[in-house]
C-alpha atoms as a PDB file:
ATOM      1  CA  MET A   1     -62.683   4.471  -9.084  1.00  0.00           C
ATOM      2  CA  LYS A   2     -61.567   7.401 -11.220  1.00  0.00           C
ATOM      3  CA  LEU A   3     -60.992   9.503  -8.111  1.00  0.00           C
ATOM      4  CA  ILE A   4     -58.777   6.859  -6.518  1.00  0.00           C
ATOM      5  CA  SER A   5     -56.730   6.536  -9.697  1.00  0.00           C
ATOM      6  CA  LYS A   6     -56.181  10.283  -9.877  1.00  0.00           C
ATOM      7  CA  ARG A   7     -55.084  10.367  -6.262  1.00  0.00           C
ATOM      8  CA  LEU A   8     -52.652   7.537  -6.840  1.00  0.00           C
ATOM      9  CA  VAL A   9     -51.247   9.308  -9.901  1.00  0.00           C
ATOM     10  CA  LEU A  10     -50.936  12.576  -7.983  1.00  0.00           C
ATOM     11  CA  GLN A  11     -49.213  10.872  -5.042  1.00  0.00           C
ATOM     12  CA  THR A  12     -46.829   9.084  -7.389  1.00  0.00           C
ATOM     13  CA  VAL A  13     -45.925  12.304  -9.207  1.00  0.00           C
ATOM     14  CA  MET A  14     -45.352  14.104  -5.906  1.00  0.00           C
ATOM     15  CA  LEU A  15     -43.148  11.257  -4.651  1.00  0.00           C
ATOM     16  CA  ILE A  16     -41.046  11.375  -7.832  1.00  0.00           C
ATOM     17  CA  LEU A  17     -40.626  15.134  -7.533  1.00  0.00           C
ATOM     18  CA  VAL A  18     -39.604  14.865  -3.860  1.00  0.00           C
ATOM     19  CA  CYS A  19     -37.066  12.122  -4.611  1.00  0.00           C
ATOM     20  CA  ALA A  20     -35.636  14.071  -7.540  1.00  0.00           C
ATOM     21  CA  ALA A  21     -35.345  17.213  -5.426  1.00  0.00           C
ATOM     22  CA  THR A  22     -33.677  15.241  -2.636  1.00  0.00           C
ATOM     23  CA  GLY A  23     -31.203  13.727  -5.079  1.00  0.00           C
ATOM     24  CA  ARG A  24     -30.339  17.168  -6.477  1.00  0.00           C
ATOM     25  CA  ALA A  25     -29.912  18.569  -2.969  1.00  0.00           C
ATOM     26  CA  GLU A  26     -27.600  15.718  -1.965  1.00  0.00           C
ATOM     27  CA  ASP A  27     -25.549  16.133  -5.136  1.00  0.00           C
ATOM     28  CA  THR A  28     -25.301  19.905  -4.607  1.00  0.00           C
ATOM     29  CA  ALA A  29     -24.160  19.380  -1.022  1.00  0.00           C
ATOM     30  CA  GLY A  30     -21.276  17.255  -2.262  1.00  0.00           C
ATOM     31  CA  PRO A  31     -20.096  13.781  -1.228  1.00  0.00           C
ATOM     32  CA  SER A  32     -19.539  12.851   2.395  1.00  0.00           C
ATOM     33  CA  ASN A  33     -15.968  12.899   3.663  1.00  0.00           C
ATOM     34  CA  PRO A  34     -15.786   9.071   4.011  1.00  0.00           C
ATOM     35  CA  ASP A  35     -16.934   8.664   0.396  1.00  0.00           C
ATOM     36  CA  LEU A  36     -14.387  11.225  -0.803  1.00  0.00           C
ATOM     37  CA  GLN A  37     -11.572   9.580   1.173  1.00  0.00           C
ATOM     38  CA  ALA A  38     -12.472   6.193  -0.311  1.00  0.00           C
ATOM     39  CA  LYS A  39     -12.069   7.543  -3.842  1.00  0.00           C
ATOM     40  CA  LEU A  40      -8.847   9.349  -2.922  1.00  0.00           C
ATOM     41  CA  GLN A  41      -7.331   6.117  -1.628  1.00  0.00           C
ATOM     42  CA  TYR A  42      -7.816   4.632  -5.080  1.00  0.00           C
ATOM     43  CA  CYS A  43      -6.261   7.698  -6.768  1.00  0.00           C
ATOM     44  CA  LYS A  44      -3.205   7.429  -4.511  1.00  0.00           C
ATOM     45  CA  THR A  45      -2.453   3.899  -5.726  1.00  0.00           C
ATOM     46  CA  CYS A  46      -1.217   5.194  -9.080  1.00  0.00           C
ATOM     47  CA  HIS A  47      -0.786   8.957  -8.711  1.00  0.00           C
ATOM     48  CA  GLY A  48       1.059   8.971  -5.367  1.00  0.00           C
ATOM     49  CA  LEU A  49       0.113   9.785  -1.792  1.00  0.00           C
ATOM     50  CA  SER A  50      -0.003  13.516  -2.519  1.00  0.00           C
ATOM     51  CA  GLY A  51      -0.895  13.386  -6.199  1.00  0.00           C
ATOM     52  CA  GLN A  52       2.739  14.031  -7.136  1.00  0.00           C
ATOM     53  CA  GLY A  53       2.649  11.541 -10.017  1.00  0.00           C
ATOM     54  CA  TYR A  54       5.134   8.868 -10.989  1.00  0.00           C
ATOM     55  CA  ARG A  55       7.987   8.757 -13.493  1.00  0.00           C
ATOM     56  CA  GLY A  56       9.173   5.455 -14.886  1.00  0.00           C
ATOM     57  CA  SER A  57       8.285   2.761 -17.394  1.00  0.00           C
ATOM     58  CA  PHE A  58       4.593   3.538 -16.796  1.00  0.00           C
ATOM     59  CA  PRO A  59       4.477   7.248 -15.901  1.00  0.00           C
ATOM     60  CA  MET A  60       1.500   8.725 -14.069  1.00  0.00           C
ATOM     61  CA  PRO A  61       0.628  12.428 -14.397  1.00  0.00           C
ATOM     62  CA  ARG A  62       0.898  14.832 -11.483  1.00  0.00           C
ATOM     63  CA  LEU A  63      -2.543  15.802 -10.165  1.00  0.00           C
ATOM     64  CA  ALA A  64      -1.374  18.068  -7.362  1.00  0.00           C
ATOM     65  CA  GLY A  65      -1.844  21.763  -8.092  1.00  0.00           C
ATOM     66  CA  GLN A  66      -3.814  21.237 -11.308  1.00  0.00           C
ATOM     67  CA  GLN A  67      -6.713  23.554 -12.054  1.00  0.00           C
ATOM     68  CA  PRO A  68     -10.051  21.960 -11.026  1.00  0.00           C
ATOM     69  CA  GLU A  69     -11.596  22.710 -14.419  1.00  0.00           C
ATOM     70  CA  TYR A  70      -8.784  20.801 -16.152  1.00  0.00           C
ATOM     71  CA  LEU A  71      -9.147  17.745 -13.908  1.00  0.00           C
ATOM     72  CA  GLU A  72     -12.933  17.690 -14.263  1.00  0.00           C
ATOM     73  CA  ASN A  73     -12.647  18.005 -18.057  1.00  0.00           C
ATOM     74  CA  GLN A  74     -10.169  15.122 -18.244  1.00  0.00           C
ATOM     75  CA  LEU A  75     -12.309  12.850 -16.079  1.00  0.00           C
ATOM     76  CA  GLN A  76     -15.332  13.722 -18.207  1.00  0.00           C
ATOM     77  CA  ALA A  77     -13.310  12.892 -21.321  1.00  0.00           C
ATOM     78  CA  PHE A  78     -12.635   9.405 -19.944  1.00  0.00           C
ATOM     79  CA  ILE A  79     -16.342   8.988 -19.142  1.00  0.00           C
ATOM     80  CA  GLU A  80     -17.351  10.015 -22.686  1.00  0.00           C
ATOM     81  CA  ARG A  81     -14.476   7.949 -24.151  1.00  0.00           C
ATOM     82  CA  ARG A  82     -12.928  10.989 -25.805  1.00  0.00           C
ATOM     83  CA  ARG A  83      -9.834   9.770 -23.977  1.00  0.00           C
ATOM     84  CA  THR A  84      -9.408   5.990 -24.096  1.00  0.00           C
ATOM     85  CA  ASN A  85      -8.048   4.169 -21.087  1.00  0.00           C
ATOM     86  CA  PRO A  86      -9.969   1.167 -19.700  1.00  0.00           C
ATOM     87  CA  VAL A  87      -8.723   1.676 -16.153  1.00  0.00           C
ATOM     88  CA  MET A  88      -9.600   5.364 -16.029  1.00  0.00           C
ATOM     89  CA  PHE A  89     -12.978   4.749 -17.661  1.00  0.00           C
ATOM     90  CA  ASN A  90     -13.859   2.306 -14.880  1.00  0.00           C
ATOM     91  CA  VAL A  91     -12.664   4.791 -12.270  1.00  0.00           C
ATOM     92  CA  ALA A  92     -14.430   7.819 -13.738  1.00  0.00           C
ATOM     93  CA  HIS A  93     -17.778   6.594 -15.045  1.00  0.00           C
ATOM     94  CA  VAL A  94     -19.101   5.812 -11.541  1.00  0.00           C
ATOM     95  CA  LEU A  95     -18.310   9.302 -10.205  1.00  0.00           C
ATOM     96  CA  SER A  96     -21.167  11.722  -9.600  1.00  0.00           C
ATOM     97  CA  PRO A  97     -20.785  15.358 -10.743  1.00  0.00           C
ATOM     98  CA  SER A  98     -20.299  16.454  -7.137  1.00  0.00           C
ATOM     99  CA  MET A  99     -17.581  13.792  -6.627  1.00  0.00           C
ATOM    100  CA  LEU A 100     -15.781  14.997  -9.770  1.00  0.00           C
ATOM    101  CA  THR A 101     -15.758  18.531  -8.354  1.00  0.00           C
ATOM    102  CA  ALA A 102     -14.671  17.375  -4.890  1.00  0.00           C
ATOM    103  CA  LEU A 103     -11.749  15.343  -6.256  1.00  0.00           C
ATOM    104  CA  ALA A 104     -10.613  18.173  -8.530  1.00  0.00           C
ATOM    105  CA  THR A 105     -10.789  20.673  -5.671  1.00  0.00           C
ATOM    106  CA  HIS A 106      -8.845  18.366  -3.349  1.00  0.00           C
ATOM    107  CA  PHE A 107      -5.934  17.911  -5.744  1.00  0.00           C
ATOM    108  CA  LYS A 108      -5.849  21.636  -6.554  1.00  0.00           C
ATOM    109  CA  GLU A 109      -4.919  22.339  -2.913  1.00  0.00           C
ATOM    110  CA  LEU A 110      -1.985  19.888  -2.805  1.00  0.00           C
ATOM    111  CA  ASN A 111       1.566  21.049  -3.379  1.00  0.00           C
ATOM    112  CA  PRO A 112       4.095  18.252  -2.731  1.00  0.00           C
ATOM    113  CA  LYS A 113       7.742  18.562  -3.694  1.00  0.00           C
ATOM    114  CA  PRO A 114       8.585  17.544  -7.282  1.00  0.00           C
ATOM    115  CA  LEU A 115       9.797  14.004  -7.794  1.00  0.00           C
ATOM    116  CA  GLY A 116      13.521  13.468  -7.549  1.00  0.00           C
ATOM    117  CA  GLY A 117      16.351  12.947  -5.112  1.00  0.00           C
ATOM    118  CA  ALA A 118      17.035   9.237  -5.772  1.00  0.00           C
ATOM    119  CA  PRO A 119      20.597   7.933  -5.234  1.00  0.00           C
ATOM    120  CA  ARG A 120      22.814   8.379  -8.277  1.00  0.00           C
ATOM    121  CA  GLU A 121      23.959   4.747  -8.160  1.00  0.00           C
ATOM    122  CA  LEU A 122      20.431   3.712  -9.139  1.00  0.00           C
ATOM    123  CA  VAL A 123      20.537   5.609 -12.433  1.00  0.00           C
ATOM    124  CA  ALA A 124      21.699   2.573 -14.428  1.00  0.00           C
ATOM    125  CA  ALA A 125      19.048   0.318 -12.899  1.00  0.00           C
ATOM    126  CA  GLY A 126      16.386   2.958 -13.508  1.00  0.00           C
ATOM    127  CA  LYS A 127      17.471   3.365 -17.123  1.00  0.00           C
ATOM    128  CA  LYS A 128      17.176  -0.400 -17.652  1.00  0.00           C
ATOM    129  CA  ILE A 129      13.675  -0.489 -16.155  1.00  0.00           C
ATOM    130  CA  TYR A 130      12.619   2.506 -18.253  1.00  0.00           C
ATOM    131  CA  GLU A 131      13.893   0.973 -21.493  1.00  0.00           C
ATOM    132  CA  GLU A 132      13.042  -2.694 -20.915  1.00  0.00           C
ATOM    133  CA  GLY A 133      10.025  -2.427 -18.631  1.00  0.00           C
ATOM    134  CA  VAL A 134       9.157  -4.440 -15.544  1.00  0.00           C
ATOM    135  CA  PRO A 135       8.544  -8.210 -15.731  1.00  0.00           C
ATOM    136  CA  GLY A 136       4.984  -9.400 -15.265  1.00  0.00           C
ATOM    137  CA  VAL A 137       2.058 -11.370 -16.638  1.00  0.00           C
ATOM    138  CA  VAL A 138       1.245 -10.917 -20.329  1.00  0.00           C
ATOM    139  CA  GLU A 139      -2.097 -11.155 -22.151  1.00  0.00           C
ATOM    140  CA  ASP A 140      -1.844 -14.886 -22.964  1.00  0.00           C
ATOM    141  CA  GLY A 141      -1.058 -15.600 -19.318  1.00  0.00           C
ATOM    142  CA  ALA A 142      -4.102 -13.655 -18.156  1.00  0.00           C
ATOM    143  CA  ARG A 143      -6.384 -15.577 -20.521  1.00  0.00           C
ATOM    144  CA  PHE A 144      -4.899 -18.857 -19.304  1.00  0.00           C
ATOM    145  CA  LEU A 145      -5.556 -17.925 -15.678  1.00  0.00           C
ATOM    146  CA  ALA A 146      -9.102 -16.847 -16.512  1.00  0.00           C
ATOM    147  CA  SER A 147      -9.739 -20.209 -18.212  1.00  0.00           C
ATOM    148  CA  LYS A 148      -8.911 -21.941 -14.929  1.00  0.00           C
ATOM    149  CA  LYS A 149     -11.770 -20.094 -13.184  1.00  0.00           C
ATOM    150  CA  ILE A 150      -9.555 -18.746 -10.417  1.00  0.00           C
ATOM    151  CA  ALA A 151     -10.815 -16.156  -7.904  1.00  0.00           C
ATOM    152  CA  PHE A 152      -7.565 -14.302  -7.083  1.00  0.00           C
ATOM    153  CA  THR A 153      -4.160 -13.823  -8.605  1.00  0.00           C
ATOM    154  CA  GLY A 154      -1.163 -11.847  -7.408  1.00  0.00           C
ATOM    155  CA  ALA A 155       2.496 -11.046  -7.932  1.00  0.00           C
ATOM    156  CA  ASP A 156       5.378  -9.347  -6.153  1.00  0.00           C
ATOM    157  CA  THR A 157       5.684  -6.663  -8.846  1.00  0.00           C
ATOM    158  CA  THR A 158       4.194  -3.166  -8.691  1.00  0.00           C
ATOM    159  CA  ALA A 159       1.864  -3.440 -11.684  1.00  0.00           C
ATOM    160  CA  TYR A 160       1.147  -7.224 -11.879  1.00  0.00           C
ATOM    161  CA  GLU A 161       1.373  -7.286 -15.647  1.00  0.00           C
ATOM    162  CA  LYS A 162       4.389  -6.531 -17.790  1.00  0.00           C
ATOM    163  CA  VAL A 163       4.941  -2.815 -18.249  1.00  0.00           C
ATOM    164  CA  PRO A 164       5.046  -0.578 -20.164  1.00  0.00           C
ATOM    165  CA  SER A 165       1.531  -1.492 -21.238  1.00  0.00           C
ATOM    166  CA  LEU A 166      -0.665   1.530 -21.857  1.00  0.00           C
ATOM    167  CA  ASP A 167      -3.965  -0.383 -22.130  1.00  0.00           C
ATOM    168  CA  LEU A 168      -3.326  -2.804 -19.210  1.00  0.00           C
ATOM    169  CA  PRO A 169      -4.826  -5.798 -21.085  1.00  0.00           C
ATOM    170  CA  CYS A 170      -4.327  -8.196 -18.169  1.00  0.00           C
ATOM    171  CA  HIS A 171      -6.327  -5.930 -15.858  1.00  0.00           C
ATOM    172  CA  VAL A 172      -9.096  -5.791 -18.472  1.00  0.00           C
ATOM    173  CA  ILE A 173      -9.181  -9.571 -18.988  1.00  0.00           C
ATOM    174  CA  LEU A 174      -9.006 -10.469 -15.305  1.00  0.00           C
ATOM    175  CA  LEU A 175     -10.877  -7.675 -13.519  1.00  0.00           C
ATOM    176  CA  MET A 176     -13.344  -6.352 -16.073  1.00  0.00           C
ATOM    177  CA  GLU A 177     -14.169  -9.459 -18.101  1.00  0.00           C
ATOM    178  CA  ASN A 178     -13.908 -12.183 -15.455  1.00  0.00           C
ATOM    179  CA  GLY A 179     -14.147 -10.518 -12.035  1.00  0.00           C
ATOM    180  CA  ILE A 180     -10.801 -11.962 -10.902  1.00  0.00           C
ATOM    181  CA  GLN A 181      -9.175  -9.844  -8.208  1.00  0.00           C
ATOM    182  CA  ILE A 182      -5.553  -8.755  -8.650  1.00  0.00           C
ATOM    183  CA  MET A 183      -3.002  -8.339  -5.857  1.00  0.00           C
ATOM    184  CA  GLU A 184       0.225  -6.425  -6.402  1.00  0.00           C
ATOM    185  CA  MET A 185       3.439  -6.033  -4.401  1.00  0.00           C
ATOM    186  CA  VAL A 186       2.853  -9.281  -2.486  1.00  0.00           C
ATOM    187  CA  ASN A 187       5.828 -10.362  -0.343  1.00  0.00           C
ATOM    188  CA  LEU A 188       6.511 -13.922  -1.520  1.00  0.00           C
ATOM    189  CA  GLU A 189      10.106 -14.287  -0.310  1.00  0.00           C
ATOM    190  CA  GLU A 190       9.400 -16.409   2.775  1.00  0.00           C
ATOM    191  CA  LEU A 191       7.055 -18.757   0.900  1.00  0.00           C
ATOM    192  CA  SER A 192       9.633 -19.143  -1.869  1.00  0.00           C
ATOM    193  CA  ARG A 193      12.472 -19.719   0.584  1.00  0.00           C
ATOM    194  CA  GLU A 194      10.505 -22.430   2.438  1.00  0.00           C
ATOM    195  CA  ALA A 195       9.224 -23.956  -0.842  1.00  0.00           C
ATOM    196  CA  VAL A 196       5.595 -23.599   0.287  1.00  0.00           C
ATOM    197  CA  TYR A 197       3.321 -23.864  -2.723  1.00  0.00           C
ATOM    198  CA  THR A 198      -0.020 -24.890  -1.187  1.00  0.00           C
ATOM    199  CA  PHE A 199      -1.578 -22.954   1.701  1.00  0.00           C
ATOM    200  CA  LEU A 200      -4.730 -21.340   3.022  1.00  0.00           C
ATOM    201  CA  PHE A 201      -4.843 -17.765   1.757  1.00  0.00           C
ATOM    202  CA  ILE A 202      -6.596 -14.995   3.683  1.00  0.00           C
ATOM    203  CA  ALA A 203      -6.895 -11.393   2.415  1.00  0.00           C
ATOM    204  CA  LEU A 204      -7.792  -8.674   4.921  1.00  0.00           C
ATOM    205  CA  PRO A 205      -8.781  -5.456   3.082  1.00  0.00           C
ATOM    206  CA  LEU A 206      -9.648  -2.090   4.567  1.00  0.00           C
ATOM    207  CA  LYS A 207     -13.327  -1.286   5.084  1.00  0.00           C
ATOM    208  CA  ILE A 208     -13.576   1.296   2.316  1.00  0.00           C
ATOM    209  CA  LYS A 209     -17.149   2.177   1.410  1.00  0.00           C
ATOM    210  CA  GLY A 210     -17.637   2.911  -2.273  1.00  0.00           C
ATOM    211  CA  GLY A 211     -14.071   2.026  -3.223  1.00  0.00           C
ATOM    212  CA  VAL A 212     -12.961  -0.266  -6.039  1.00  0.00           C
ATOM    213  CA  GLY A 213      -9.625  -1.261  -4.519  1.00  0.00           C
ATOM    214  CA  SER A 214      -7.846  -1.445  -1.187  1.00  0.00           C
ATOM    215  CA  PRO A 215      -4.506  -2.211   0.433  1.00  0.00           C
ATOM    216  CA  ILE A 216      -4.733  -5.655   2.004  1.00  0.00           C
ATOM    217  CA  ARG A 217      -2.920  -7.707   4.629  1.00  0.00           C
ATOM    218  CA  PRO A 218      -2.276 -11.050   2.905  1.00  0.00           C
ATOM    219  CA  ILE A 219      -1.853 -14.093   5.164  1.00  0.00           C
ATOM    220  CA  ALA A 220      -0.687 -17.576   4.135  1.00  0.00           C
ATOM    221  CA  ILE A 221      -1.346 -20.449   6.560  1.00  0.00           C
ATOM    222  CA  ALA A 222       0.642 -23.540   5.594  1.00  0.00           C
END
């Protein structure tokens, strides 16, 4: 009986060592291209298609051309909560060390043109948006929706909730605390014009493995 126990212990130890070595080898090899692309799609939602950033009532920093060490350090700061942002913490804390390096390396190689070139006649409208923000749902509204036990909520604005809002409280209440999915930039003009308020809703997302968000094709069947 002692001999069998020792063999079982030895086999278990060997299995653990093999699994650990395999995990280290996979991490050293870096993430697969599909996994990397899935994460990049999420980055593009806020930071732009080429990491060029965004200027406005809720500015997003430019990632393109940044030194990999800087990007990795900032992501690690969000993970360790040395920088506080609930959205970025949720994005960063699930990233493996090899994914952090792959993302930082990817953005280092990008070099899009600086932002600019908008028509001058939009300056006044842009100034108003910058100073007054963009309309949207506020914290009390998010808590009300959560109390109704809904599954989805959406709006035709770019950020869903009222901006500027550095901590995105509505995203925290709906997504993090209650698992309620948020849709942004939904085209509601036809439904509004036809006064259609009740319909079958279908959301068709992309098949993104490992992602936490996706562009969707929303369909309303009245």
